[in-house]
């Protein structure tokens, strides 16, 4: 057996993402809240969920909105 070392540090902040995407802080927070809910299904730790969500949003601001659309499509 081996241990997996994890680091739970996101180098992104909502303010930084708002600047990156040239949008409002409120828009980022709206997407971040969606992400925290989704990631919260996988972990009971809200801070971990937030950091994972921030990392996903750094790749695509609408990651969680797109994910929801895809999930709805497969539920039909």
PDB file of N, CA and C in Angstrom:
ATOM      1  N   UNK A   1       0.846  -1.173   0.000  1.00  0.00           N
ATOM      2  CA  UNK A   1       0.000   0.000   0.000  1.00  0.00           C
ATOM      3  C   UNK A   1       0.896   1.242   0.000  1.00  0.00           C
ATOM      4  N   UNK A   2       0.427   2.282  -0.646  1.00  0.00           N
ATOM      5  CA  UNK A   2       1.169   3.529  -0.678  1.00  0.00           C
ATOM      6  C   UNK A   2       0.240   4.687  -0.365  1.00  0.00           C
ATOM      7  N   UNK A   3       0.819   5.744   0.096  1.00  0.00           N
ATOM      8  CA  UNK A   3       0.031   6.934   0.416  1.00  0.00           C
ATOM      9  C   UNK A   3       0.050   7.885  -0.771  1.00  0.00           C
ATOM     10  N   UNK A   4      -1.076   8.488  -1.000  1.00  0.00           N
ATOM     11  CA  UNK A   4      -1.176   9.489  -2.047  1.00  0.00           C
ATOM     12  C   UNK A   4      -1.185  10.845  -1.375  1.00  0.00           C
ATOM     13  N   UNK A   5      -0.218  11.654  -1.721  1.00  0.00           N
ATOM     14  CA  UNK A   5      -0.145  12.987  -1.139  1.00  0.00           C
ATOM     15  C   UNK A   5      -0.985  13.929  -1.993  1.00  0.00           C
ATOM     16  N   UNK A   6      -1.878  14.619  -1.354  1.00  0.00           N
ATOM     17  CA  UNK A   6      -2.698  15.581  -2.076  1.00  0.00           C
ATOM     18  C   UNK A   6      -2.465  16.964  -1.505  1.00  0.00           C
ATOM     19  N   UNK A   7      -2.538  17.912  -2.371  1.00  0.00           N
ATOM     20  CA  UNK A   7      -2.471  19.298  -1.924  1.00  0.00           C
ATOM     21  C   UNK A   7      -3.773  19.956  -2.340  1.00  0.00           C
ATOM     22  N   UNK A   8      -4.394  20.595  -1.423  1.00  0.00           N
ATOM     23  CA  UNK A   8      -5.683  21.210  -1.697  1.00  0.00           C
ATOM     24  C   UNK A   8      -5.558  22.724  -1.703  1.00  0.00           C
ATOM     25  N   UNK A   9      -4.772  23.201  -2.628  1.00  0.00           N
ATOM     26  CA  UNK A   9      -4.617  24.639  -2.739  1.00  0.00           C
ATOM     27  C   UNK A   9      -4.972  25.063  -4.154  1.00  0.00           C
ATOM     28  N   UNK A  10      -5.926  25.911  -4.253  1.00  0.00           N
ATOM     29  CA  UNK A  10      -6.282  26.461  -5.550  1.00  0.00           C
ATOM     30  C   UNK A  10      -5.570  27.796  -5.674  1.00  0.00           C
ATOM     31  N   UNK A  11      -4.975  28.021  -6.808  1.00  0.00           N
ATOM     32  CA  UNK A  11      -4.295  29.303  -7.008  1.00  0.00           C
ATOM     33  C   UNK A  11      -5.239  30.353  -7.579  1.00  0.00           C
ATOM     34  N   UNK A  12      -6.523  30.010  -7.627  1.00  0.00           N
ATOM     35  CA  UNK A  12      -7.516  30.901  -8.204  1.00  0.00           C
ATOM     36  C   UNK A  12      -8.438  31.464  -7.132  1.00  0.00           C
ATOM     37  N   UNK A  13      -8.877  32.675  -7.356  1.00  0.00           N
ATOM     38  CA  UNK A  13      -9.854  33.312  -6.478  1.00  0.00           C
ATOM     39  C   UNK A  13     -11.018  33.783  -7.353  1.00  0.00           C
ATOM     40  N   UNK A  14     -12.169  33.993  -6.760  1.00  0.00           N
ATOM     41  CA  UNK A  14     -13.281  34.536  -7.562  1.00  0.00           C
ATOM     42  C   UNK A  14     -12.928  35.870  -8.222  1.00  0.00           C
ATOM     43  N   UNK A  15     -12.218  36.724  -7.509  1.00  0.00           N
ATOM     44  CA  UNK A  15     -11.820  38.016  -8.084  1.00  0.00           C
ATOM     45  C   UNK A  15     -10.875  37.812  -9.263  1.00  0.00           C
ATOM     46  N   UNK A  16      -9.931  36.900  -9.107  1.00  0.00           N
ATOM     47  CA  UNK A  16      -8.996  36.605 -10.194  1.00  0.00           C
ATOM     48  C   UNK A  16      -9.698  36.032 -11.413  1.00  0.00           C
ATOM     49  N   UNK A  17     -10.683  35.183 -11.180  1.00  0.00           N
ATOM     50  CA  UNK A  17     -11.425  34.603 -12.300  1.00  0.00           C
ATOM     51  C   UNK A  17     -12.279  35.665 -12.993  1.00  0.00           C
ATOM     52  N   UNK A  18     -12.845  36.587 -12.217  1.00  0.00           N
ATOM     53  CA  UNK A  18     -13.626  37.675 -12.818  1.00  0.00           C
ATOM     54  C   UNK A  18     -12.743  38.502 -13.750  1.00  0.00           C
ATOM     55  N   UNK A  19     -11.516  38.749 -13.339  1.00  0.00           N
ATOM     56  CA  UNK A  19     -10.579  39.501 -14.180  1.00  0.00           C
ATOM     57  C   UNK A  19     -10.198  38.684 -15.405  1.00  0.00           C
ATOM     58  N   UNK A  20      -9.922  37.404 -15.207  1.00  0.00           N
ATOM     59  CA  UNK A  20      -9.512  36.533 -16.308  1.00  0.00           C
ATOM     60  C   UNK A  20     -10.581  36.492 -17.394  1.00  0.00           C
ATOM     61  N   UNK A  21     -11.837  36.351 -16.991  1.00  0.00           N
ATOM     62  CA  UNK A  21     -12.927  36.215 -17.950  1.00  0.00           C
ATOM     63  C   UNK A  21     -13.603  37.537 -18.298  1.00  0.00           C
ATOM     64  N   UNK A  22     -13.097  38.627 -17.703  1.00  0.00           N
ATOM     65  CA  UNK A  22     -13.651  39.963 -17.945  1.00  0.00           C
ATOM     66  C   UNK A  22     -15.159  39.985 -17.694  1.00  0.00           C
ATOM     67  N   UNK A  23     -15.525  39.514 -16.520  1.00  0.00           N
ATOM     68  CA  UNK A  23     -16.928  39.482 -16.112  1.00  0.00           C
ATOM     69  C   UNK A  23     -17.027  39.997 -14.692  1.00  0.00           C
ATOM     70  N   UNK A  24     -18.214  39.942 -14.148  1.00  0.00           N
ATOM     71  CA  UNK A  24     -18.419  40.463 -12.802  1.00  0.00           C
ATOM     72  C   UNK A  24     -18.092  39.410 -11.745  1.00  0.00           C
ATOM     73  N   UNK A  25     -17.775  39.894 -10.589  1.00  0.00           N
ATOM     74  CA  UNK A  25     -17.534  39.027  -9.431  1.00  0.00           C
ATOM     75  C   UNK A  25     -18.793  38.205  -9.136  1.00  0.00           C
ATOM     76  N   UNK A  26     -19.966  38.838  -9.250  1.00  0.00           N
ATOM     77  CA  UNK A  26     -21.221  38.156  -8.965  1.00  0.00           C
ATOM     78  C   UNK A  26     -21.458  36.987  -9.920  1.00  0.00           C
ATOM     79  N   UNK A  27     -21.079  37.149 -11.179  1.00  0.00           N
ATOM     80  CA  UNK A  27     -21.233  36.062 -12.155  1.00  0.00           C
ATOM     81  C   UNK A  27     -20.361  34.867 -11.759  1.00  0.00           C
ATOM     82  N   UNK A  28     -19.156  35.146 -11.314  1.00  0.00           N
ATOM     83  CA  UNK A  28     -18.251  34.072 -10.888  1.00  0.00           C
ATOM     84  C   UNK A  28     -18.811  33.388  -9.642  1.00  0.00           C
ATOM     85  N   UNK A  29     -19.297  34.167  -8.697  1.00  0.00           N
ATOM     86  CA  UNK A  29     -19.852  33.593  -7.469  1.00  0.00           C
ATOM     87  C   UNK A  29     -21.054  32.697  -7.780  1.00  0.00           C
ATOM     88  N   UNK A  30     -21.877  33.098  -8.724  1.00  0.00           N
ATOM     89  CA  UNK A  30     -23.009  32.271  -9.122  1.00  0.00           C
ATOM     90  C   UNK A  30     -22.555  30.913  -9.642  1.00  0.00           C
ATOM     91  N   UNK A  31     -21.545  30.918 -10.495  1.00  0.00           N
ATOM     92  CA  UNK A  31     -21.013  29.658 -11.024  1.00  0.00           C
ATOM     93  C   UNK A  31     -20.292  28.869  -9.930  1.00  0.00           C
ATOM     94  N   UNK A  32     -19.604  29.579  -9.050  1.00  0.00           N
ATOM     95  CA  UNK A  32     -18.888  28.912  -7.961  1.00  0.00           C
ATOM     96  C   UNK A  32     -19.866  28.195  -7.033  1.00  0.00           C
ATOM     97  N   UNK A  33     -20.983  28.823  -6.733  1.00  0.00           N
ATOM     98  CA  UNK A  33     -21.985  28.180  -5.871  1.00  0.00           C
ATOM     99  C   UNK A  33     -22.532  26.906  -6.502  1.00  0.00           C
ATOM    100  N   UNK A  34     -22.732  26.929  -7.821  1.00  0.00           N
ATOM    101  CA  UNK A  34     -23.150  25.710  -8.525  1.00  0.00           C
ATOM    102  C   UNK A  34     -22.092  24.629  -8.346  1.00  0.00           C
ATOM    103  N   UNK A  35     -20.843  25.025  -8.510  1.00  0.00           N
ATOM    104  CA  UNK A  35     -19.736  24.078  -8.392  1.00  0.00           C
ATOM    105  C   UNK A  35     -19.601  23.496  -6.998  1.00  0.00           C
ATOM    106  N   UNK A  36     -19.780  24.309  -5.989  1.00  0.00           N
ATOM    107  CA  UNK A  36     -19.675  23.827  -4.607  1.00  0.00           C
ATOM    108  C   UNK A  36     -20.764  22.794  -4.336  1.00  0.00           C
ATOM    109  N   UNK A  37     -21.968  23.040  -4.851  1.00  0.00           N
ATOM    110  CA  UNK A  37     -23.047  22.051  -4.679  1.00  0.00           C
ATOM    111  C   UNK A  37     -22.712  20.733  -5.354  1.00  0.00           C
ATOM    112  N   UNK A  38     -22.215  20.801  -6.585  1.00  0.00           N
ATOM    113  CA  UNK A  38     -21.882  19.583  -7.332  1.00  0.00           C
ATOM    114  C   UNK A  38     -20.749  18.835  -6.646  1.00  0.00           C
ATOM    115  N   UNK A  39     -19.690  19.523  -6.323  1.00  0.00           N
ATOM    116  CA  UNK A  39     -18.532  18.869  -5.709  1.00  0.00           C
ATOM    117  C   UNK A  39     -18.840  18.407  -4.294  1.00  0.00           C
ATOM    118  N   UNK A  40     -19.792  19.055  -3.653  1.00  0.00           N
ATOM    119  CA  UNK A  40     -20.209  18.644  -2.317  1.00  0.00           C
ATOM    120  C   UNK A  40     -20.818  17.253  -2.300  1.00  0.00           C
ATOM    121  N   UNK A  41     -21.287  16.783  -3.459  1.00  0.00           N
ATOM    122  CA  UNK A  41     -21.815  15.416  -3.559  1.00  0.00           C
ATOM    123  C   UNK A  41     -20.701  14.384  -3.399  1.00  0.00           C
ATOM    124  N   UNK A  42     -19.458  14.804  -3.632  1.00  0.00           N
ATOM    125  CA  UNK A  42     -18.317  13.894  -3.588  1.00  0.00           C
ATOM    126  C   UNK A  42     -17.503  14.006  -2.306  1.00  0.00           C
ATOM    127  N   UNK A  43     -17.674  15.105  -1.608  1.00  0.00           N
ATOM    128  CA  UNK A  43     -16.919  15.318  -0.372  1.00  0.00           C
ATOM    129  C   UNK A  43     -17.802  16.049   0.630  1.00  0.00           C
ATOM    130  N   UNK A  44     -17.629  15.752   1.875  1.00  0.00           N
ATOM    131  CA  UNK A  44     -18.390  16.438   2.908  1.00  0.00           C
ATOM    132  C   UNK A  44     -17.721  17.722   3.360  1.00  0.00           C
ATOM    133  N   UNK A  45     -16.572  18.006   2.812  1.00  0.00           N
ATOM    134  CA  UNK A  45     -15.784  19.166   3.209  1.00  0.00           C
ATOM    135  C   UNK A  45     -16.048  20.314   2.242  1.00  0.00           C
ATOM    136  N   UNK A  46     -16.682  21.366   2.725  1.00  0.00           N
ATOM    137  CA  UNK A  46     -17.049  22.492   1.866  1.00  0.00           C
ATOM    138  C   UNK A  46     -15.825  23.207   1.292  1.00  0.00           C
ATOM    139  N   UNK A  47     -14.750  23.303   2.056  1.00  0.00           N
ATOM    140  CA  UNK A  47     -13.544  23.965   1.562  1.00  0.00           C
ATOM    141  C   UNK A  47     -12.932  23.183   0.402  1.00  0.00           C
ATOM    142  N   UNK A  48     -12.901  21.865   0.525  1.00  0.00           N
ATOM    143  CA  UNK A  48     -12.378  21.026  -0.550  1.00  0.00           C
ATOM    144  C   UNK A  48     -13.248  21.196  -1.791  1.00  0.00           C
ATOM    145  N   UNK A  49     -14.560  21.182  -1.614  1.00  0.00           N
ATOM    146  CA  UNK A  49     -15.486  21.353  -2.735  1.00  0.00           C
ATOM    147  C   UNK A  49     -15.248  22.701  -3.419  1.00  0.00           C
ATOM    148  N   UNK A  50     -15.033  23.735  -2.633  1.00  0.00           N
ATOM    149  CA  UNK A  50     -14.790  25.073  -3.196  1.00  0.00           C
ATOM    150  C   UNK A  50     -13.502  25.108  -4.007  1.00  0.00           C
ATOM    151  N   UNK A  51     -12.456  24.499  -3.491  1.00  0.00           N
ATOM    152  CA  UNK A  51     -11.172  24.520  -4.208  1.00  0.00           C
ATOM    153  C   UNK A  51     -11.243  23.724  -5.508  1.00  0.00           C
ATOM    154  N   UNK A  52     -11.936  22.600  -5.485  1.00  0.00           N
ATOM    155  CA  UNK A  52     -12.108  21.815  -6.709  1.00  0.00           C
ATOM    156  C   UNK A  52     -12.915  22.627  -7.724  1.00  0.00           C
ATOM    157  N   UNK A  53     -13.975  23.264  -7.248  1.00  0.00           N
ATOM    158  CA  UNK A  53     -14.811  24.071  -8.137  1.00  0.00           C
ATOM    159  C   UNK A  53     -14.018  25.226  -8.740  1.00  0.00           C
ATOM    160  N   UNK A  54     -13.212  25.884  -7.947  1.00  0.00           N
ATOM    161  CA  UNK A  54     -12.387  26.980  -8.474  1.00  0.00           C
ATOM    162  C   UNK A  54     -11.446  26.489  -9.564  1.00  0.00           C
ATOM    163  N   UNK A  55     -10.866  25.308  -9.372  1.00  0.00           N
ATOM    164  CA  UNK A  55      -9.976  24.756 -10.397  1.00  0.00           C
ATOM    165  C   UNK A  55     -10.730  24.472 -11.694  1.00  0.00           C
ATOM    166  N   UNK A  56     -11.946  23.930 -11.587  1.00  0.00           N
ATOM    167  CA  UNK A  56     -12.744  23.681 -12.789  1.00  0.00           C
ATOM    168  C   UNK A  56     -13.130  24.992 -13.472  1.00  0.00           C
ATOM    169  N   UNK A  57     -13.496  25.985 -12.683  1.00  0.00           N
ATOM    170  CA  UNK A  57     -13.891  27.267 -13.263  1.00  0.00           C
ATOM    171  C   UNK A  57     -12.713  27.980 -13.916  1.00  0.00           C
ATOM    172  N   UNK A  58     -11.518  27.702 -13.465  1.00  0.00           N
ATOM    173  CA  UNK A  58     -10.340  28.298 -14.090  1.00  0.00           C
ATOM    174  C   UNK A  58     -10.161  27.769 -15.515  1.00  0.00           C
ATOM    175  N   UNK A  59     -10.623  26.558 -15.754  1.00  0.00           N
ATOM    176  CA  UNK A  59     -10.554  25.974 -17.089  1.00  0.00           C
ATOM    177  C   UNK A  59     -11.697  26.478 -17.975  1.00  0.00           C
ATOM    178  N   UNK A  60     -12.880  26.619 -17.375  1.00  0.00           N
ATOM    179  CA  UNK A  60     -14.063  27.049 -18.123  1.00  0.00           C
ATOM    180  C   UNK A  60     -15.046  27.657 -17.131  1.00  0.00           C
ATOM    181  N   UNK A  61     -15.327  28.929 -17.275  1.00  0.00           N
ATOM    182  CA  UNK A  61     -16.209  29.615 -16.331  1.00  0.00           C
ATOM    183  C   UNK A  61     -17.592  28.983 -16.273  1.00  0.00           C
ATOM    184  N   UNK A  62     -18.013  28.383 -17.352  1.00  0.00           N
ATOM    185  CA  UNK A  62     -19.357  27.806 -17.394  1.00  0.00           C
ATOM    186  C   UNK A  62     -19.338  26.287 -17.291  1.00  0.00           C
ATOM    187  N   UNK A  63     -18.308  25.746 -16.679  1.00  0.00           N
ATOM    188  CA  UNK A  63     -18.151  24.306 -16.523  1.00  0.00           C
ATOM    189  C   UNK A  63     -19.399  23.663 -15.915  1.00  0.00           C
ATOM    190  N   UNK A  64     -19.884  24.211 -14.831  1.00  0.00           N
ATOM    191  CA  UNK A  64     -21.011  23.600 -14.125  1.00  0.00           C
ATOM    192  C   UNK A  64     -22.347  23.835 -14.836  1.00  0.00           C
ATOM    193  N   UNK A  65     -22.494  24.938 -15.517  1.00  0.00           N
ATOM    194  CA  UNK A  65     -23.701  25.163 -16.314  1.00  0.00           C
ATOM    195  C   UNK A  65     -23.751  24.160 -17.465  1.00  0.00           C
ATOM    196  N   UNK A  66     -22.609  23.946 -18.104  1.00  0.00           N
ATOM    197  CA  UNK A  66     -22.532  22.971 -19.200  1.00  0.00           C
ATOM    198  C   UNK A  66     -22.767  21.557 -18.675  1.00  0.00           C
ATOM    199  N   UNK A  67     -22.208  21.248 -17.522  1.00  0.00           N
ATOM    200  CA  UNK A  67     -22.380  19.929 -16.928  1.00  0.00           C
ATOM    201  C   UNK A  67     -23.862  19.649 -16.661  1.00  0.00           C
ATOM    202  N   UNK A  68     -24.568  20.644 -16.175  1.00  0.00           N
ATOM    203  CA  UNK A  68     -25.991  20.481 -15.883  1.00  0.00           C
ATOM    204  C   UNK A  68     -26.779  20.191 -17.162  1.00  0.00           C
ATOM    205  N   UNK A  69     -26.443  20.898 -18.248  1.00  0.00           N
ATOM    206  CA  UNK A  69     -27.113  20.660 -19.529  1.00  0.00           C
ATOM    207  C   UNK A  69     -26.859  19.232 -20.015  1.00  0.00           C
ATOM    208  N   UNK A  70     -25.634  18.774 -19.873  1.00  0.00           N
ATOM    209  CA  UNK A  70     -25.297  17.416 -20.307  1.00  0.00           C
ATOM    210  C   UNK A  70     -26.038  16.388 -19.460  1.00  0.00           C
ATOM    211  N   UNK A  71     -26.105  16.615 -18.166  1.00  0.00           N
ATOM    212  CA  UNK A  71     -26.819  15.677 -17.283  1.00  0.00           C
ATOM    213  C   UNK A  71     -28.298  15.624 -17.632  1.00  0.00           C
ATOM    214  N   UNK A  72     -28.903  16.778 -17.933  1.00  0.00           N
ATOM    215  CA  UNK A  72     -30.317  16.805 -18.312  1.00  0.00           C
ATOM    216  C   UNK A  72     -30.539  16.014 -19.611  1.00  0.00           C
ATOM    217  N   UNK A  73     -29.604  16.156 -20.532  1.00  0.00           N
ATOM    218  CA  UNK A  73     -29.716  15.459 -21.822  1.00  0.00           C
ATOM    219  C   UNK A  73     -29.711  13.945 -21.621  1.00  0.00           C
ATOM    220  N   UNK A  74     -28.892  13.439 -20.707  1.00  0.00           N
ATOM    221  CA  UNK A  74     -28.805  12.008 -20.480  1.00  0.00           C
ATOM    222  C   UNK A  74     -29.954  11.469 -19.633  1.00  0.00           C
ATOM    223  N   UNK A  75     -30.634  12.335 -18.914  1.00  0.00           N
ATOM    224  CA  UNK A  75     -31.770  11.888 -18.106  1.00  0.00           C
ATOM    225  C   UNK A  75     -33.019  11.670 -18.961  1.00  0.00           C
ATOM    226  N   UNK A  76     -33.037  12.255 -20.148  1.00  0.00           N
ATOM    227  CA  UNK A  76     -34.209  12.129 -21.032  1.00  0.00           C
ATOM    228  C   UNK A  76     -34.322  10.753 -21.615  1.00  0.00           C
TER     229      UNK A  76
END
